[in-house]
C-alpha cells in the first residue's frame, strides 16, 4: 500500500478528466491560454486544447485546474 501512495505522490503524468459540465487538468507544465471558449495546456508530450463555451475557472492550483462550462471537444497536438 505504501508503494501505491508513493506512486500517486510522485506521478507527474498529465491527466485530463472530463465531466458533464466541467473538466479537471492535472500535472500540466503551463496554461497557455484561458479563455471563455478555449483552454490550452503545455504538457510533457505536447499541447492539449479544450474547446467549448462559457468556461469559468473553478479552482486553480500550481499544477491543477478545474474549469466549468460546456465542453465541445479536445485536441491533442504532439510535439
N, C-alpha and C. Protein backbone atom coordinates (compact mmCIF):
# COMPACT_ATOMS: atom_id res chain seq x y z
N UNK A 1 0.83 -1.19 0.00
CA UNK A 1 0.00 0.00 0.00
C UNK A 1 0.87 1.26 0.00
N UNK A 2 1.96 1.22 0.73
CA UNK A 2 2.84 2.38 0.79
C UNK A 2 3.39 2.73 -0.59
N UNK A 3 3.70 1.72 -1.39
CA UNK A 3 4.23 1.98 -2.73
C UNK A 3 3.18 2.64 -3.62
N UNK A 4 1.90 2.32 -3.44
CA UNK A 4 0.84 2.96 -4.21
C UNK A 4 0.71 4.43 -3.84
N UNK A 5 0.84 4.75 -2.58
CA UNK A 5 0.79 6.14 -2.14
C UNK A 5 1.98 6.91 -2.71
N UNK A 6 3.15 6.29 -2.66
CA UNK A 6 4.36 6.92 -3.20
C UNK A 6 4.22 7.16 -4.70
N UNK A 7 3.69 6.17 -5.45
CA UNK A 7 3.47 6.34 -6.89
C UNK A 7 2.51 7.49 -7.16
N UNK A 8 1.46 7.61 -6.37
CA UNK A 8 0.48 8.68 -6.53
C UNK A 8 1.13 10.05 -6.30
N UNK A 9 1.92 10.16 -5.26
CA UNK A 9 2.56 11.43 -4.92
C UNK A 9 3.58 11.83 -5.97
N UNK A 10 4.34 10.88 -6.49
CA UNK A 10 5.40 11.17 -7.45
C UNK A 10 4.93 11.23 -8.90
N UNK A 11 3.67 10.91 -9.17
CA UNK A 11 3.14 10.88 -10.53
C UNK A 11 3.14 12.29 -11.14
N UNK A 12 3.78 12.43 -12.30
CA UNK A 12 3.85 13.72 -12.97
C UNK A 12 3.22 13.67 -14.37
N UNK A 13 2.50 12.62 -14.68
CA UNK A 13 1.88 12.47 -15.99
C UNK A 13 0.64 13.36 -16.11
N UNK A 14 0.51 14.05 -17.24
CA UNK A 14 -0.65 14.90 -17.49
C UNK A 14 -1.91 14.05 -17.52
N UNK A 15 -2.96 14.57 -16.89
CA UNK A 15 -4.25 13.90 -16.90
C UNK A 15 -5.35 14.93 -17.14
N UNK A 16 -6.30 14.55 -17.97
CA UNK A 16 -7.47 15.39 -18.23
C UNK A 16 -8.69 14.53 -17.97
N UNK A 17 -9.50 14.95 -17.02
CA UNK A 17 -10.71 14.22 -16.67
C UNK A 17 -11.91 15.07 -17.08
N UNK A 18 -12.77 14.50 -17.92
CA UNK A 18 -13.94 15.22 -18.40
C UNK A 18 -15.17 14.77 -17.62
N UNK A 19 -15.94 15.75 -17.19
CA UNK A 19 -17.22 15.51 -16.53
C UNK A 19 -18.30 16.10 -17.43
N UNK A 20 -19.53 16.04 -17.00
CA UNK A 20 -20.63 16.52 -17.85
C UNK A 20 -20.51 18.01 -18.17
N UNK A 21 -20.23 18.84 -17.22
CA UNK A 21 -20.17 20.29 -17.43
C UNK A 21 -18.89 20.91 -16.88
N UNK A 22 -17.81 20.14 -16.81
CA UNK A 22 -16.53 20.67 -16.31
C UNK A 22 -15.41 19.70 -16.66
N UNK A 23 -14.19 20.18 -16.49
CA UNK A 23 -13.04 19.30 -16.68
C UNK A 23 -11.96 19.65 -15.68
N UNK A 24 -11.16 18.65 -15.36
CA UNK A 24 -10.06 18.77 -14.42
C UNK A 24 -8.78 18.39 -15.15
N UNK A 25 -7.80 19.27 -15.13
CA UNK A 25 -6.49 19.00 -15.72
C UNK A 25 -5.45 19.04 -14.60
N UNK A 26 -4.59 18.03 -14.56
CA UNK A 26 -3.53 17.99 -13.55
C UNK A 26 -2.20 17.66 -14.21
N UNK A 27 -1.15 18.07 -13.57
CA UNK A 27 0.23 17.80 -13.98
C UNK A 27 0.59 18.39 -15.33
N UNK A 28 0.04 19.56 -15.64
CA UNK A 28 0.44 20.27 -16.85
C UNK A 28 1.70 21.08 -16.56
N UNK A 29 2.41 21.45 -17.61
CA UNK A 29 3.61 22.27 -17.44
C UNK A 29 3.22 23.74 -17.29
N UNK A 30 2.28 24.17 -18.15
CA UNK A 30 1.90 25.58 -18.16
C UNK A 30 0.53 25.73 -18.81
N UNK A 31 -0.27 26.70 -18.34
CA UNK A 31 -1.50 27.06 -19.03
C UNK A 31 -1.13 28.08 -20.10
N UNK A 32 -1.39 27.73 -21.35
CA UNK A 32 -1.03 28.61 -22.46
C UNK A 32 -2.10 29.66 -22.74
N UNK A 33 -3.37 29.27 -22.59
CA UNK A 33 -4.47 30.23 -22.75
C UNK A 33 -5.63 29.79 -21.89
N UNK A 34 -6.36 30.77 -21.39
CA UNK A 34 -7.52 30.52 -20.55
C UNK A 34 -8.58 31.52 -20.97
N UNK A 35 -9.46 31.10 -21.86
CA UNK A 35 -10.47 31.97 -22.44
C UNK A 35 -11.85 31.36 -22.21
N UNK A 36 -12.89 32.12 -22.54
CA UNK A 36 -14.26 31.67 -22.33
C UNK A 36 -14.61 30.45 -23.18
N UNK A 37 -13.95 30.29 -24.34
CA UNK A 37 -14.29 29.18 -25.23
C UNK A 37 -13.11 28.26 -25.53
N UNK A 38 -11.98 28.46 -24.84
CA UNK A 38 -10.80 27.65 -25.15
C UNK A 38 -9.80 27.71 -23.98
N UNK A 39 -9.28 26.55 -23.62
CA UNK A 39 -8.21 26.46 -22.62
C UNK A 39 -7.14 25.55 -23.21
N UNK A 40 -5.90 26.01 -23.21
CA UNK A 40 -4.83 25.16 -23.74
C UNK A 40 -3.71 25.02 -22.73
N UNK A 41 -3.09 23.84 -22.76
CA UNK A 41 -2.05 23.48 -21.81
C UNK A 41 -0.81 23.00 -22.54
N UNK A 42 0.34 23.32 -22.00
CA UNK A 42 1.59 22.71 -22.41
C UNK A 42 1.78 21.50 -21.50
N UNK A 43 2.09 20.35 -22.10
CA UNK A 43 2.25 19.12 -21.33
C UNK A 43 3.61 18.50 -21.65
N UNK A 44 3.90 17.40 -21.00
CA UNK A 44 5.18 16.72 -21.23
C UNK A 44 5.26 16.06 -22.60
N UNK A 45 4.16 15.97 -23.35
CA UNK A 45 4.19 15.36 -24.68
C UNK A 45 3.74 16.30 -25.80
N UNK A 46 3.33 17.51 -25.45
CA UNK A 46 2.86 18.46 -26.46
C UNK A 46 1.86 19.44 -25.89
N UNK A 47 0.84 19.73 -26.69
CA UNK A 47 -0.16 20.73 -26.30
C UNK A 47 -1.54 20.09 -26.33
N UNK A 48 -2.38 20.43 -25.33
CA UNK A 48 -3.75 19.95 -25.25
C UNK A 48 -4.66 21.17 -25.23
N UNK A 49 -5.69 21.14 -26.09
CA UNK A 49 -6.63 22.25 -26.19
C UNK A 49 -8.04 21.72 -25.92
N UNK A 50 -8.74 22.36 -24.97
CA UNK A 50 -10.12 22.02 -24.69
C UNK A 50 -10.97 23.17 -25.23
N UNK A 51 -11.96 22.83 -26.09
CA UNK A 51 -12.82 23.85 -26.68
C UNK A 51 -14.23 23.69 -26.15
N UNK A 52 -14.93 24.81 -26.03
CA UNK A 52 -16.29 24.77 -25.54
C UNK A 52 -16.88 26.15 -25.44
N UNK A 53 -17.81 26.32 -24.52
CA UNK A 53 -18.49 27.59 -24.32
C UNK A 53 -18.66 27.87 -22.83
N UNK A 54 -18.68 29.14 -22.51
CA UNK A 54 -18.97 29.60 -21.14
C UNK A 54 -18.03 29.02 -20.08
N UNK A 55 -16.76 28.88 -20.42
CA UNK A 55 -15.80 28.36 -19.45
C UNK A 55 -15.59 29.36 -18.33
N UNK A 56 -15.61 28.87 -17.11
CA UNK A 56 -15.29 29.67 -15.93
C UNK A 56 -14.35 28.87 -15.04
N UNK A 57 -13.39 29.54 -14.49
CA UNK A 57 -12.40 28.92 -13.63
C UNK A 57 -13.02 28.62 -12.27
N UNK A 58 -12.94 27.36 -11.85
CA UNK A 58 -13.49 26.94 -10.56
C UNK A 58 -12.41 26.78 -9.50
N UNK A 59 -11.25 26.27 -9.93
CA UNK A 59 -10.14 26.07 -8.99
C UNK A 59 -8.84 26.16 -9.76
N UNK A 60 -7.85 26.80 -9.15
CA UNK A 60 -6.54 26.91 -9.77
C UNK A 60 -5.47 26.69 -8.72
N UNK A 61 -4.69 25.63 -8.92
CA UNK A 61 -3.56 25.34 -8.06
C UNK A 61 -2.31 25.29 -8.93
N UNK A 62 -1.17 25.04 -8.34
CA UNK A 62 0.09 25.06 -9.09
C UNK A 62 0.08 24.14 -10.31
N UNK A 63 -0.43 22.93 -10.17
CA UNK A 63 -0.45 22.01 -11.31
C UNK A 63 -1.82 21.35 -11.47
N UNK A 64 -2.87 22.08 -11.09
CA UNK A 64 -4.22 21.55 -11.19
C UNK A 64 -5.19 22.69 -11.49
N UNK A 65 -6.11 22.44 -12.42
CA UNK A 65 -7.11 23.45 -12.74
C UNK A 65 -8.46 22.75 -12.98
N UNK A 66 -9.52 23.34 -12.46
CA UNK A 66 -10.88 22.85 -12.66
C UNK A 66 -11.65 23.95 -13.36
N UNK A 67 -12.23 23.62 -14.52
CA UNK A 67 -12.96 24.59 -15.32
C UNK A 67 -14.36 24.07 -15.57
N UNK A 68 -15.36 24.94 -15.37
CA UNK A 68 -16.76 24.58 -15.64
C UNK A 68 -17.18 25.20 -16.95
N UNK A 69 -18.11 24.56 -17.64
CA UNK A 69 -18.64 25.06 -18.89
C UNK A 69 -19.04 23.91 -19.80
N UNK A 70 -19.49 24.27 -21.00
CA UNK A 70 -19.93 23.26 -21.97
C UNK A 70 -18.74 22.83 -22.83
N UNK A 71 -18.34 21.59 -22.71
CA UNK A 71 -17.18 21.06 -23.44
C UNK A 71 -17.65 20.57 -24.80
N UNK A 72 -16.98 21.05 -25.84
CA UNK A 72 -17.33 20.65 -27.20
C UNK A 72 -16.29 19.70 -27.80
N UNK A 73 -15.05 19.76 -27.34
CA UNK A 73 -14.05 18.87 -27.89
C UNK A 73 -12.68 19.08 -27.27
N UNK A 74 -11.82 18.11 -27.54
CA UNK A 74 -10.44 18.15 -27.04
C UNK A 74 -9.51 17.85 -28.20
N UNK A 75 -8.48 18.65 -28.34
CA UNK A 75 -7.46 18.42 -29.36
C UNK A 75 -6.12 18.15 -28.69
N UNK A 76 -5.37 17.20 -29.24
CA UNK A 76 -4.04 16.87 -28.74
C UNK A 76 -3.07 17.09 -29.87
N UNK A 77 -2.04 17.92 -29.62
CA UNK A 77 -1.02 18.21 -30.60
C UNK A 77 0.31 17.71 -30.06
N UNK A 78 0.80 16.60 -30.61
CA UNK A 78 2.05 16.00 -30.14
C UNK A 78 3.24 16.75 -30.72
N UNK A 79 4.27 16.88 -29.92
CA UNK A 79 5.49 17.56 -30.36
C UNK A 79 6.63 16.57 -30.45
